[in-house]
């Protein structure tokens, strides 16, 4: 999946990337922030053991791009997680999301906003399936 995960209004991509990096370092990652072709990449590898982080999240990659009035965060890697690791991985993703929501409000005294992009989900969750008619040759119900 290469879809928007979070959107920020009133918070540029460099500052948003700094907040992502700050949180990841706090929970045990070593991070590199790289600017490439109008985007900022945050590359993270687990540096110190944290039992709350499943092995499938040992390496992370995010991409931040500017938008009109703010920036957008894309979760690029990992894209697959073993079923046994999904619950802890979901928790890590939700905690990062909540941290970014709080830090934007705190830093900007409420003028910046971070929100989940419509239809966003961690990349290891399959896309919702269509509720259309089964492909059995029968016409779709009205």
Protein backbone atom coordinates (compact mmCIF):
# COMPACT_ATOMS: atom_id res chain seq x y z
CA UNK A 1 0.00 0.00 0.00
CA UNK A 2 1.27 3.42 -0.83
CA UNK A 3 -1.60 5.58 0.37
CA UNK A 4 -1.78 8.54 2.68
CA UNK A 5 -1.86 7.61 6.33
CA UNK A 6 -1.92 10.96 8.14
CA UNK A 7 -2.49 14.52 6.98
CA UNK A 8 -1.23 17.63 8.73
CA UNK A 9 -2.57 21.13 8.28
CA UNK A 10 -0.40 24.03 9.41
CA UNK A 11 2.60 21.74 9.90
CA UNK A 12 5.25 21.48 7.18
CA UNK A 13 6.81 18.19 6.15
CA UNK A 14 10.20 18.90 7.75
CA UNK A 15 8.64 19.69 11.11
CA UNK A 16 6.23 16.75 10.81
CA UNK A 17 9.20 14.47 9.98
CA UNK A 18 11.02 15.77 13.06
CA UNK A 19 8.05 14.76 15.23
CA UNK A 20 7.95 11.28 13.66
CA UNK A 21 11.69 10.90 14.24
CA UNK A 22 11.46 12.15 17.82
CA UNK A 23 8.84 9.55 18.74
CA UNK A 24 10.66 6.70 17.04
CA UNK A 25 13.92 7.56 18.81
CA UNK A 26 12.03 7.69 22.11
CA UNK A 27 10.75 4.12 21.68
CA UNK A 28 14.11 2.68 20.63
CA UNK A 29 14.73 3.31 16.92
CA UNK A 30 17.74 4.89 15.22
CA UNK A 31 16.49 7.22 12.52
CA UNK A 32 17.78 8.92 9.41
CA UNK A 33 15.83 11.73 7.77
CA UNK A 34 16.60 12.23 4.08
CA UNK A 35 15.22 14.87 1.72
CA UNK A 36 14.66 13.53 -1.81
CA UNK A 37 12.93 15.11 -4.78
CA UNK A 38 10.51 17.29 -2.81
CA UNK A 39 9.78 14.60 -0.24
CA UNK A 40 11.25 13.72 3.13
CA UNK A 41 11.94 10.10 4.06
CA UNK A 42 12.22 8.85 7.62
CA UNK A 43 14.16 5.59 7.77
CA UNK A 44 14.21 3.81 11.12
CA UNK A 45 15.85 0.64 12.45
CA UNK A 46 15.36 -0.70 15.93
CA UNK A 47 18.40 0.28 17.99
CA UNK A 48 17.56 -0.96 21.45
CA UNK A 49 15.28 -3.77 22.41
CA UNK A 50 11.71 -2.86 23.19
CA UNK A 51 9.40 -5.81 23.93
CA UNK A 52 6.40 -3.78 22.73
CA UNK A 53 7.78 -3.66 19.18
CA UNK A 54 7.22 -6.85 17.18
CA UNK A 55 10.08 -8.18 15.02
CA UNK A 56 8.13 -7.29 11.88
CA UNK A 57 8.54 -3.61 12.74
CA UNK A 58 12.33 -3.77 13.16
CA UNK A 59 12.75 -1.48 10.12
CA UNK A 60 10.34 1.30 9.15
CA UNK A 61 10.13 3.72 6.25
CA UNK A 62 7.86 6.75 6.00
CA UNK A 63 7.56 9.38 3.27
CA UNK A 64 6.30 12.89 3.89
CA UNK A 65 5.24 15.20 1.08
CA UNK A 66 4.09 18.80 1.12
CA UNK A 67 0.43 19.56 0.53
CA UNK A 68 -1.39 22.84 0.23
CA UNK A 69 -1.34 24.13 3.78
CA UNK A 70 0.59 21.26 5.35
CA UNK A 71 1.96 17.80 4.66
CA UNK A 72 0.98 14.17 4.24
CA UNK A 73 2.58 11.09 5.80
CA UNK A 74 2.77 7.79 3.92
CA UNK A 75 3.72 4.54 5.70
CA UNK A 76 5.87 2.76 3.10
CA UNK A 77 7.46 -0.18 4.94
CA UNK A 78 6.90 -2.74 6.18
CA UNK A 79 3.88 -3.63 4.11
CA UNK A 80 3.41 -7.16 5.44
CA UNK A 81 3.29 -8.44 9.02
CA UNK A 82 2.76 -12.02 10.22
CA UNK A 83 -0.72 -12.60 11.60
CA UNK A 84 0.72 -13.31 15.07
CA UNK A 85 2.41 -9.88 15.11
CA UNK A 86 -0.51 -7.81 13.79
CA UNK A 87 -2.03 -6.86 17.14
CA UNK A 88 1.23 -5.45 18.57
CA UNK A 89 2.03 -3.81 15.22
CA UNK A 90 -1.43 -2.20 15.17
CA UNK A 91 -0.80 -0.90 18.69
CA UNK A 92 2.55 0.64 17.69
CA UNK A 93 0.91 2.30 14.66
CA UNK A 94 -1.95 3.65 16.79
CA UNK A 95 0.44 4.97 19.45
CA UNK A 96 2.48 6.79 16.80
CA UNK A 97 -0.68 8.25 15.33
CA UNK A 98 -1.91 9.41 18.75
CA UNK A 99 1.48 10.93 19.58
CA UNK A 100 1.47 12.94 16.34
CA UNK A 101 -2.10 14.15 16.96
CA UNK A 102 -1.15 15.35 20.46
CA UNK A 103 2.16 16.94 19.57
CA UNK A 104 0.62 19.02 16.76
CA UNK A 105 -2.00 20.42 19.13
CA UNK A 106 0.51 21.06 21.90
CA UNK A 107 3.19 22.66 19.74
CA UNK A 108 0.91 24.97 17.83
CA UNK A 109 -1.56 25.83 20.61
CA UNK A 110 -4.30 24.26 18.51
CA UNK A 111 -3.58 25.97 15.18
CA UNK A 112 -2.08 22.87 13.51
CA UNK A 113 -4.11 19.73 13.04
CA UNK A 114 -3.13 16.14 12.29
CA UNK A 115 -5.83 13.73 11.20
CA UNK A 116 -6.08 10.28 9.74
CA UNK A 117 -6.53 10.32 5.98
CA UNK A 118 -9.91 8.98 4.76
CA UNK A 119 -9.80 5.19 4.48
CA UNK A 120 -6.31 5.02 6.00
CA UNK A 121 -5.13 1.82 7.64
CA UNK A 122 -1.78 0.24 8.40
CA UNK A 123 -0.27 -1.12 5.17
CA UNK A 124 -0.31 -4.72 6.43
CA UNK A 125 -4.12 -4.75 6.52
CA UNK A 126 -5.74 -5.84 3.26
CA UNK A 127 -7.81 -3.33 1.36
CA UNK A 128 -11.55 -3.60 1.95
CA UNK A 129 -13.18 -5.86 -0.58
CA UNK A 130 -15.92 -4.72 -2.87
CA UNK A 131 -19.45 -5.66 -1.88
CA UNK A 132 -20.46 -6.09 -5.50
CA UNK A 133 -22.10 -9.21 -6.93
CA UNK A 134 -20.13 -12.41 -7.11
CA UNK A 135 -18.62 -13.13 -10.49
CA UNK A 136 -20.86 -16.12 -11.23
CA UNK A 137 -22.33 -14.76 -14.43
CA UNK A 138 -25.61 -13.73 -12.79
CA UNK A 139 -26.70 -10.13 -13.08
CA UNK A 140 -26.01 -7.88 -10.12
CA UNK A 141 -29.02 -7.27 -7.83
CA UNK A 142 -30.69 -3.89 -8.07
